Amino acid sequence: MIRSWCVVALILGGMASPACAQAPEQIEQLEPGKGEWQLEYYGFFGKVDDDDGNEHSLQAMAGVSEHLALGMDLQTSWSAGRLTVETIAPTALYRWSDPDNDPIGIGIELQAALDRHASLAGAEARLIVEKRSRRWWGQANLILRHTRADGATASSIAYGWSLARAVAPRLWLGAEGSGQAVRLDGDPSLAPVGAHFVGPALTWRPERPGKAEVEIGIAWLRRAAGTGPASTARLFVQLEF
């Protein structure tokens, strides 16, 4: 679906743009829970040809039951010094099991993107697997993506993963990777494949008074194969209350 580059931090975002489909993927988690609100910022900072190659997104989600969370993504793109609203994307997350309390957390996230003319610009189904223990934290996303643009369509499969170990109280050090694995059909320009990224990642969950929880993550991702930015810094900030 439509992923955008360089979205301001105060705007909701989170899908993929055909032009930038060879960027690293976001890794989504199985949150929030019932009665919780979550604001999530993702930023990728790289270089793609003569463009900045920066992606910034902020997602808002609310847990409406033990298993279901609903939210909204607003996509924008930055080109030639101009900010443009691309899509608005309702989001639904269904969680079958909890990564903290069950042997493994499993869920699925669905998104549909509408462009500025209220036409369907794309859709995405994301299988999310997550497990947290006292020492280890593993996450994996398998993404089925359908993209539409200028009368053309394409379908593809992408992925993202991370594995980290606790090195201090509330501090995790590990590795992260993602990429575009398979184009199922359609226009190759809408679903380029073969770009894969991997690198070290650090996550910190500072202690906060009250119910609010903060999670901050940084990573340095290098392109291991394909085209796209040679290296990309990733910043992740999540507030849950």
C-alpha atoms as a PDB file:
ATOM      1  CA  MET A   1       0.000   0.000   0.000  1.00  0.00           C
ATOM      2  CA  ILE A   2       1.056   3.614   0.063  1.00  0.00           C
ATOM      3  CA  ARG A   3       4.090   4.362   2.259  1.00  0.00           C
ATOM      4  CA  SER A   4       5.186   7.985   2.501  1.00  0.00           C
ATOM      5  CA  TRP A   5       8.542   9.597   3.078  1.00  0.00           C
ATOM      6  CA  CYS A   6       9.198  12.415   5.520  1.00  0.00           C
ATOM      7  CA  VAL A   7       6.002  12.766   7.557  1.00  0.00           C
ATOM      8  CA  VAL A   8       5.940  15.365  10.330  1.00  0.00           C
ATOM      9  CA  ALA A   9       6.040  13.910  13.824  1.00  0.00           C
ATOM     10  CA  LEU A  10       2.657  15.280  14.808  1.00  0.00           C
ATOM     11  CA  ILE A  11       0.810  13.583  11.935  1.00  0.00           C
ATOM     12  CA  LEU A  12      -0.494  10.029  12.017  1.00  0.00           C
ATOM     13  CA  GLY A  13       1.162   7.559   9.639  1.00  0.00           C
ATOM     14  CA  GLY A  14       2.341   4.038   8.951  1.00  0.00           C
ATOM     15  CA  MET A  15       1.863   2.492   5.461  1.00  0.00           C
ATOM     16  CA  ALA A  16       4.116   2.283   2.403  1.00  0.00           C
ATOM     17  CA  SER A  17       4.522   4.341  -0.743  1.00  0.00           C
ATOM     18  CA  PRO A  18       5.324   2.668  -4.050  1.00  0.00           C
ATOM     19  CA  ALA A  19       8.190   5.042  -4.693  1.00  0.00           C
ATOM     20  CA  CYS A  20       9.728   4.183  -1.343  1.00  0.00           C
ATOM     21  CA  ALA A  21       8.720   0.539  -1.050  1.00  0.00           C
ATOM     22  CA  GLN A  22      12.380  -0.478  -0.698  1.00  0.00           C
ATOM     23  CA  ALA A  23      12.779   1.287   2.631  1.00  0.00           C
ATOM     24  CA  PRO A  24      12.954  -0.623   5.946  1.00  0.00           C
ATOM     25  CA  GLU A  25       9.613  -1.793   7.310  1.00  0.00           C
ATOM     26  CA  GLN A  26       8.034  -0.717  10.572  1.00  0.00           C
ATOM     27  CA  ILE A  27       7.673  -3.494  13.159  1.00  0.00           C
ATOM     28  CA  GLU A  28       4.273  -3.359  14.825  1.00  0.00           C
ATOM     29  CA  GLN A  29       3.535  -4.709  18.323  1.00  0.00           C
ATOM     30  CA  LEU A  30       0.502  -6.354  19.937  1.00  0.00           C
ATOM     31  CA  GLU A  31      -0.623  -3.226  21.784  1.00  0.00           C
ATOM     32  CA  PRO A  32      -2.638  -1.506  23.229  1.00  0.00           C
ATOM     33  CA  GLY A  33      -4.766  -3.588  25.624  1.00  0.00           C
ATOM     34  CA  LYS A  34      -8.309  -3.022  26.831  1.00  0.00           C
ATOM     35  CA  GLY A  35      -8.955   0.533  28.057  1.00  0.00           C
ATOM     36  CA  GLU A  36      -5.503   1.761  26.978  1.00  0.00           C
ATOM     37  CA  TRP A  37      -4.525   4.491  24.509  1.00  0.00           C
ATOM     38  CA  GLN A  38      -1.336   4.411  22.497  1.00  0.00           C
ATOM     39  CA  LEU A  39       0.536   7.053  20.504  1.00  0.00           C
ATOM     40  CA  GLU A  40       3.391   5.678  18.434  1.00  0.00           C
ATOM     41  CA  TYR A  41       6.051   7.610  16.513  1.00  0.00           C
ATOM     42  CA  TYR A  42       8.314   6.015  13.909  1.00  0.00           C
ATOM     43  CA  GLY A  43      11.070   7.852  12.068  1.00  0.00           C
ATOM     44  CA  PHE A  44      13.481   6.558   9.419  1.00  0.00           C
ATOM     45  CA  PHE A  45      16.329   8.848   8.376  1.00  0.00           C
ATOM     46  CA  GLY A  46      18.220   7.856   5.248  1.00  0.00           C
ATOM     47  CA  LYS A  47      19.030   8.961   1.723  1.00  0.00           C
ATOM     48  CA  VAL A  48      17.380   7.803  -1.517  1.00  0.00           C
ATOM     49  CA  ASP A  49      18.946   9.306  -4.655  1.00  0.00           C
ATOM     50  CA  ASP A  50      18.415  13.081  -4.404  1.00  0.00           C
ATOM     51  CA  ASP A  51      15.496  12.838  -1.963  1.00  0.00           C
ATOM     52  CA  ASP A  52      15.835  13.065   1.791  1.00  0.00           C
ATOM     53  CA  GLY A  53      14.452   9.548   2.252  1.00  0.00           C
ATOM     54  CA  ASN A  54      13.012  10.420   5.651  1.00  0.00           C
ATOM     55  CA  GLU A  55       9.834   8.792   6.925  1.00  0.00           C
ATOM     56  CA  HIS A  56       8.066  10.004  10.066  1.00  0.00           C
ATOM     57  CA  SER A  57       4.785   8.561  11.293  1.00  0.00           C
ATOM     58  CA  LEU A  58       2.575   8.813  14.343  1.00  0.00           C
ATOM     59  CA  GLN A  59      -0.115   6.200  14.935  1.00  0.00           C
ATOM     60  CA  ALA A  60      -3.010   6.519  17.390  1.00  0.00           C
ATOM     61  CA  MET A  61      -4.714   3.352  18.717  1.00  0.00           C
ATOM     62  CA  ALA A  62      -7.258   2.589  21.453  1.00  0.00           C
ATOM     63  CA  GLY A  63      -7.900  -0.819  23.047  1.00  0.00           C
ATOM     64  CA  VAL A  64     -11.662  -1.451  22.999  1.00  0.00           C
ATOM     65  CA  SER A  65     -11.562  -5.023  24.388  1.00  0.00           C
ATOM     66  CA  GLU A  66      -9.085  -7.649  25.574  1.00  0.00           C
ATOM     67  CA  HIS A  67      -8.519  -8.628  21.952  1.00  0.00           C
ATOM     68  CA  LEU A  68      -9.448  -5.650  19.732  1.00  0.00           C
ATOM     69  CA  ALA A  69      -7.800  -2.247  19.219  1.00  0.00           C
ATOM     70  CA  LEU A  70      -8.868   0.407  16.702  1.00  0.00           C
ATOM     71  CA  GLY A  71      -7.051   3.447  15.377  1.00  0.00           C
ATOM     72  CA  MET A  72      -6.292   5.751  12.493  1.00  0.00           C
ATOM     73  CA  ASP A  73      -3.254   6.566  10.330  1.00  0.00           C
ATOM     74  CA  LEU A  74      -2.886   9.752   8.318  1.00  0.00           C
ATOM     75  CA  GLN A  75      -0.160   9.591   5.652  1.00  0.00           C
ATOM     76  CA  THR A  76       1.796  12.482   4.209  1.00  0.00           C
ATOM     77  CA  SER A  77       4.778  12.746   1.862  1.00  0.00           C
ATOM     78  CA  TRP A  78       7.596  15.282   1.526  1.00  0.00           C
ATOM     79  CA  SER A  79       8.979  16.162  -1.879  1.00  0.00           C
ATOM     80  CA  ALA A  80      10.822  19.243  -3.180  1.00  0.00           C
ATOM     81  CA  GLY A  81      10.300  21.028   0.117  1.00  0.00           C
ATOM     82  CA  ARG A  82       6.535  20.477   0.057  1.00  0.00           C
ATOM     83  CA  LEU A  83       4.385  18.473   2.474  1.00  0.00           C
ATOM     84  CA  THR A  84       1.435  16.620   0.898  1.00  0.00           C
ATOM     85  CA  VAL A  85      -1.327  14.591   2.547  1.00  0.00           C
ATOM     86  CA  GLU A  86      -1.492  11.211   0.778  1.00  0.00           C
ATOM     87  CA  THR A  87      -3.941   8.863   2.555  1.00  0.00           C
ATOM     88  CA  ILE A  88      -6.053   8.302   5.621  1.00  0.00           C
ATOM     89  CA  ALA A  89      -6.041   4.724   6.900  1.00  0.00           C
ATOM     90  CA  PRO A  90      -8.404   3.160   9.458  1.00  0.00           C
ATOM     91  CA  THR A  91      -6.558   0.442  11.399  1.00  0.00           C
ATOM     92  CA  ALA A  92      -7.785  -2.608  13.328  1.00  0.00           C
ATOM     93  CA  LEU A  93      -5.628  -4.888  15.487  1.00  0.00           C
ATOM     94  CA  TYR A  94      -6.982  -8.243  16.713  1.00  0.00           C
ATOM     95  CA  ARG A  95      -4.882 -10.028  19.325  1.00  0.00           C
ATOM     96  CA  TRP A  96      -5.496 -13.727  19.939  1.00  0.00           C
ATOM     97  CA  SER A  97      -2.929 -14.020  22.738  1.00  0.00           C
ATOM     98  CA  ASP A  98      -0.799 -11.745  24.952  1.00  0.00           C
ATOM     99  CA  PRO A  99       3.020 -11.733  24.592  1.00  0.00           C
ATOM    100  CA  ASP A 100       3.475 -11.047  28.323  1.00  0.00           C
ATOM    101  CA  ASN A 101       1.126 -13.650  29.762  1.00  0.00           C
ATOM    102  CA  ASP A 102       0.775 -16.376  27.118  1.00  0.00           C
ATOM    103  CA  PRO A 103       3.488 -18.679  25.698  1.00  0.00           C
ATOM    104  CA  ILE A 104       3.520 -16.479  22.588  1.00  0.00           C
ATOM    105  CA  GLY A 105       1.549 -13.434  21.433  1.00  0.00           C
ATOM    106  CA  ILE A 106      -0.195 -13.671  18.059  1.00  0.00           C
ATOM    107  CA  GLY A 107      -2.366 -11.101  16.288  1.00  0.00           C
ATOM    108  CA  ILE A 108      -3.305  -9.595  12.960  1.00  0.00           C
ATOM    109  CA  GLU A 109      -3.444  -5.924  11.950  1.00  0.00           C
ATOM    110  CA  LEU A 110      -5.548  -4.710   9.015  1.00  0.00           C
ATOM    111  CA  GLN A 111      -5.332  -1.337   7.265  1.00  0.00           C
ATOM    112  CA  ALA A 112      -7.100   0.239   4.288  1.00  0.00           C
ATOM    113  CA  ALA A 113      -5.833   3.486   2.791  1.00  0.00           C
ATOM    114  CA  LEU A 114      -8.050   6.099   1.150  1.00  0.00           C
ATOM    115  CA  ASP A 115      -6.450   8.807  -0.963  1.00  0.00           C
ATOM    116  CA  ARG A 116      -7.409  12.492  -1.167  1.00  0.00           C
ATOM    117  CA  HIS A 117     -10.234  11.585  -3.563  1.00  0.00           C
ATOM    118  CA  ALA A 118     -11.659   8.934  -1.177  1.00  0.00           C
ATOM    119  CA  SER A 119     -10.527   6.146  -3.534  1.00  0.00           C
ATOM    120  CA  LEU A 120      -8.895   2.966  -2.241  1.00  0.00           C
ATOM    121  CA  ALA A 121      -5.128   3.444  -2.509  1.00  0.00           C
ATOM    122  CA  GLY A 122      -4.084   0.173  -0.903  1.00  0.00           C
ATOM    123  CA  ALA A 123      -4.630  -2.425   1.790  1.00  0.00           C
ATOM    124  CA  GLU A 124      -2.431  -4.367   4.161  1.00  0.00           C
ATOM    125  CA  ALA A 125      -2.756  -7.460   6.363  1.00  0.00           C
ATOM    126  CA  ARG A 126       0.012  -7.944   8.918  1.00  0.00           C
ATOM    127  CA  LEU A 127       0.565 -11.106  10.981  1.00  0.00           C
ATOM    128  CA  ILE A 128       2.280 -10.124  14.246  1.00  0.00           C
ATOM    129  CA  VAL A 129       4.117 -12.572  16.509  1.00  0.00           C
ATOM    130  CA  GLU A 130       5.714 -11.362  19.741  1.00  0.00           C
ATOM    131  CA  LYS A 131       7.190 -12.811  22.918  1.00  0.00           C
ATOM    132  CA  ARG A 132       8.639 -11.018  25.945  1.00  0.00           C
ATOM    133  CA  SER A 133      10.368 -12.709  28.859  1.00  0.00           C
ATOM    134  CA  ARG A 134      12.591 -11.399  31.651  1.00  0.00           C
ATOM    135  CA  ARG A 135      15.692 -11.578  29.444  1.00  0.00           C
ATOM    136  CA  TRP A 136      14.566 -11.903  25.822  1.00  0.00           C
ATOM    137  CA  TRP A 137      12.205  -9.997  23.540  1.00  0.00           C
ATOM    138  CA  GLY A 138      11.394 -11.230  20.047  1.00  0.00           C
ATOM    139  CA  GLN A 139       9.076  -9.753  17.405  1.00  0.00           C
ATOM    140  CA  ALA A 140       8.174 -10.740  13.843  1.00  0.00           C
ATOM    141  CA  ASN A 141       5.798  -9.257  11.233  1.00  0.00           C
ATOM    142  CA  LEU A 142       4.706 -10.931   7.987  1.00  0.00           C
ATOM    143  CA  ILE A 143       3.026  -8.381   5.694  1.00  0.00           C
ATOM    144  CA  LEU A 144       0.684  -8.984   2.754  1.00  0.00           C
ATOM    145  CA  ARG A 145       0.368  -5.697   0.849  1.00  0.00           C
ATOM    146  CA  HIS A 146      -1.808  -4.571  -2.071  1.00  0.00           C
ATOM    147  CA  THR A 147      -0.970  -1.273  -3.801  1.00  0.00           C
ATOM    148  CA  ARG A 148      -2.928   0.884  -6.277  1.00  0.00           C
ATOM    149  CA  ALA A 149      -1.632   3.939  -8.145  1.00  0.00           C
ATOM    150  CA  ASP A 150      -2.489   5.591 -11.476  1.00  0.00           C
ATOM    151  CA  GLY A 151      -4.673   2.674 -12.588  1.00  0.00           C
ATOM    152  CA  ALA A 152      -2.005   0.032 -11.865  1.00  0.00           C
ATOM    153  CA  THR A 153      -1.989  -2.513  -9.026  1.00  0.00           C
ATOM    154  CA  ALA A 154       0.486  -4.863  -7.367  1.00  0.00           C
ATOM    155  CA  SER A 155       0.558  -7.348  -4.490  1.00  0.00           C
ATOM    156  CA  SER A 156       3.613  -8.317  -2.473  1.00  0.00           C
ATOM    157  CA  ILE A 157       4.899  -9.862   0.745  1.00  0.00           C
ATOM    158  CA  ALA A 158       7.258  -8.055   3.137  1.00  0.00           C
ATOM    159  CA  TYR A 159       8.635  -8.867   6.582  1.00  0.00           C
ATOM    160  CA  GLY A 160      10.205  -7.389   9.695  1.00  0.00           C
ATOM    161  CA  TRP A 161      11.811  -8.898  12.795  1.00  0.00           C
ATOM    162  CA  SER A 162      13.748  -7.992  15.923  1.00  0.00           C
ATOM    163  CA  LEU A 163      15.449  -9.953  18.692  1.00  0.00           C
ATOM    164  CA  ALA A 164      16.831  -8.292  21.826  1.00  0.00           C
ATOM    165  CA  ARG A 165      18.243  -9.254  25.220  1.00  0.00           C
ATOM    166  CA  ALA A 166      17.940  -7.306  28.461  1.00  0.00           C
ATOM    167  CA  VAL A 167      21.371  -5.840  29.335  1.00  0.00           C
ATOM    168  CA  ALA A 168      20.197  -3.660  32.236  1.00  0.00           C
ATOM    169  CA  PRO A 169      16.894  -2.953  33.990  1.00  0.00           C
ATOM    170  CA  ARG A 170      14.436  -1.718  31.310  1.00  0.00           C
ATOM    171  CA  LEU A 171      17.185  -1.651  28.622  1.00  0.00           C
ATOM    172  CA  TRP A 172      17.311  -4.075  25.655  1.00  0.00           C
ATOM    173  CA  LEU A 173      20.087  -4.567  23.084  1.00  0.00           C
ATOM    174  CA  GLY A 174      19.714  -6.651  19.944  1.00  0.00           C
ATOM    175  CA  ALA A 175      19.280  -6.715  16.180  1.00  0.00           C
ATOM    176  CA  GLU A 176      16.539  -5.769  13.729  1.00  0.00           C
ATOM    177  CA  GLY A 177      15.889  -6.615  10.095  1.00  0.00           C
ATOM    178  CA  SER A 178      13.239  -6.161   7.397  1.00  0.00           C
ATOM    179  CA  GLY A 179      12.718  -6.289   3.676  1.00  0.00           C
ATOM    180  CA  GLN A 180      10.491  -6.856   0.656  1.00  0.00           C
ATOM    181  CA  ALA A 181      10.468 -10.581  -0.034  1.00  0.00           C
ATOM    182  CA  VAL A 182       8.112 -11.535  -2.891  1.00  0.00           C
ATOM    183  CA  ARG A 183       6.060  -9.757  -5.542  1.00  0.00           C
ATOM    184  CA  LEU A 184       2.927 -11.843  -6.078  1.00  0.00           C
ATOM    185  CA  ASP A 185       1.590  -9.989  -9.131  1.00  0.00           C
ATOM    186  CA  GLY A 186       1.150  -6.607 -10.767  1.00  0.00           C
ATOM    187  CA  ASP A 187       3.344  -3.671 -11.697  1.00  0.00           C
ATOM    188  CA  PRO A 188       6.988  -4.151 -10.579  1.00  0.00           C
ATOM    189  CA  SER A 189       7.366  -0.412  -9.940  1.00  0.00           C
ATOM    190  CA  LEU A 190       4.623  -0.609  -7.277  1.00  0.00           C
ATOM    191  CA  ALA A 191       6.117  -3.658  -5.554  1.00  0.00           C
ATOM    192  CA  PRO A 192       9.889  -3.769  -5.999  1.00  0.00           C
ATOM    193  CA  VAL A 193      11.465  -6.720  -4.177  1.00  0.00           C
ATOM    194  CA  GLY A 194      14.927  -7.765  -3.070  1.00  0.00           C
ATOM    195  CA  ALA A 195      15.751  -4.912  -0.653  1.00  0.00           C
ATOM    196  CA  HIS A 196      16.778  -6.211   2.787  1.00  0.00           C
ATOM    197  CA  PHE A 197      18.040  -4.274   5.815  1.00  0.00           C
ATOM    198  CA  VAL A 198      19.670  -5.386   9.074  1.00  0.00           C
ATOM    199  CA  GLY A 199      21.454  -3.717  11.984  1.00  0.00           C
ATOM    200  CA  PRO A 200      21.805  -3.218  15.755  1.00  0.00           C
ATOM    201  CA  ALA A 201      18.919  -1.899  17.851  1.00  0.00           C
ATOM    202  CA  LEU A 202      18.572  -0.505  21.374  1.00  0.00           C
ATOM    203  CA  THR A 203      15.274  -0.156  23.290  1.00  0.00           C
ATOM    204  CA  TRP A 204      14.742   1.684  26.570  1.00  0.00           C
ATOM    205  CA  ARG A 205      11.617   1.679  28.730  1.00  0.00           C
ATOM    206  CA  PRO A 206      12.207   4.447  31.283  1.00  0.00           C
ATOM    207  CA  GLU A 207      10.398   4.217  34.582  1.00  0.00           C
ATOM    208  CA  ARG A 208       7.489   6.639  34.744  1.00  0.00           C
ATOM    209  CA  PRO A 209       5.184   7.546  37.659  1.00  0.00           C
ATOM    210  CA  GLY A 210       1.533   6.594  37.297  1.00  0.00           C
ATOM    211  CA  LYS A 211       0.000   4.490  34.537  1.00  0.00           C
ATOM    212  CA  ALA A 212       1.745   5.999  31.502  1.00  0.00           C
ATOM    213  CA  GLU A 213       4.508   3.897  29.916  1.00  0.00           C
ATOM    214  CA  VAL A 214       7.157   5.136  27.503  1.00  0.00           C
ATOM    215  CA  GLU A 215       9.242   3.065  25.092  1.00  0.00           C
ATOM    216  CA  ILE A 216      12.136   4.538  23.098  1.00  0.00           C
ATOM    217  CA  GLY A 217      14.061   2.606  20.468  1.00  0.00           C
ATOM    218  CA  ILE A 218      16.902   3.439  18.095  1.00  0.00           C
ATOM    219  CA  ALA A 219      18.504   1.333  15.363  1.00  0.00           C
ATOM    220  CA  TRP A 220      21.092   1.670  12.609  1.00  0.00           C
ATOM    221  CA  LEU A 221      20.031  -0.382   9.590  1.00  0.00           C
ATOM    222  CA  ARG A 222      22.357  -1.192   6.696  1.00  0.00           C
ATOM    223  CA  ARG A 223      21.154  -2.376   3.296  1.00  0.00           C
ATOM    224  CA  ALA A 224      22.222  -6.023   2.960  1.00  0.00           C
ATOM    225  CA  ALA A 225      20.809  -6.523  -0.556  1.00  0.00           C
ATOM    226  CA  GLY A 226      18.818  -4.760  -3.268  1.00  0.00           C
ATOM    227  CA  THR A 227      18.359  -1.049  -3.745  1.00  0.00           C
ATOM    228  CA  GLY A 228      17.283   1.748  -1.413  1.00  0.00           C
ATOM    229  CA  PRO A 229      19.162   3.802   1.191  1.00  0.00           C
ATOM    230  CA  ALA A 230      22.638   2.405   1.954  1.00  0.00           C
ATOM    231  CA  SER A 231      22.036   3.021   5.650  1.00  0.00           C
ATOM    232  CA  THR A 232      19.102   4.265   7.692  1.00  0.00           C
ATOM    233  CA  ALA A 233      18.721   5.433  11.283  1.00  0.00           C
ATOM    234  CA  ARG A 234      15.459   4.432  12.952  1.00  0.00           C
ATOM    235  CA  LEU A 235      13.851   6.221  15.917  1.00  0.00           C
ATOM    236  CA  PHE A 236      10.814   4.804  17.706  1.00  0.00           C
ATOM    237  CA  VAL A 237       8.863   6.440  20.549  1.00  0.00           C
ATOM    238  CA  GLN A 238       5.721   4.967  22.051  1.00  0.00           C
ATOM    239  CA  LEU A 239       3.474   6.414  24.762  1.00  0.00           C
ATOM    240  CA  GLU A 240       0.816   4.195  26.322  1.00  0.00           C
ATOM    241  CA  PHE A 241      -1.682   5.404  28.932  1.00  0.00           C
END
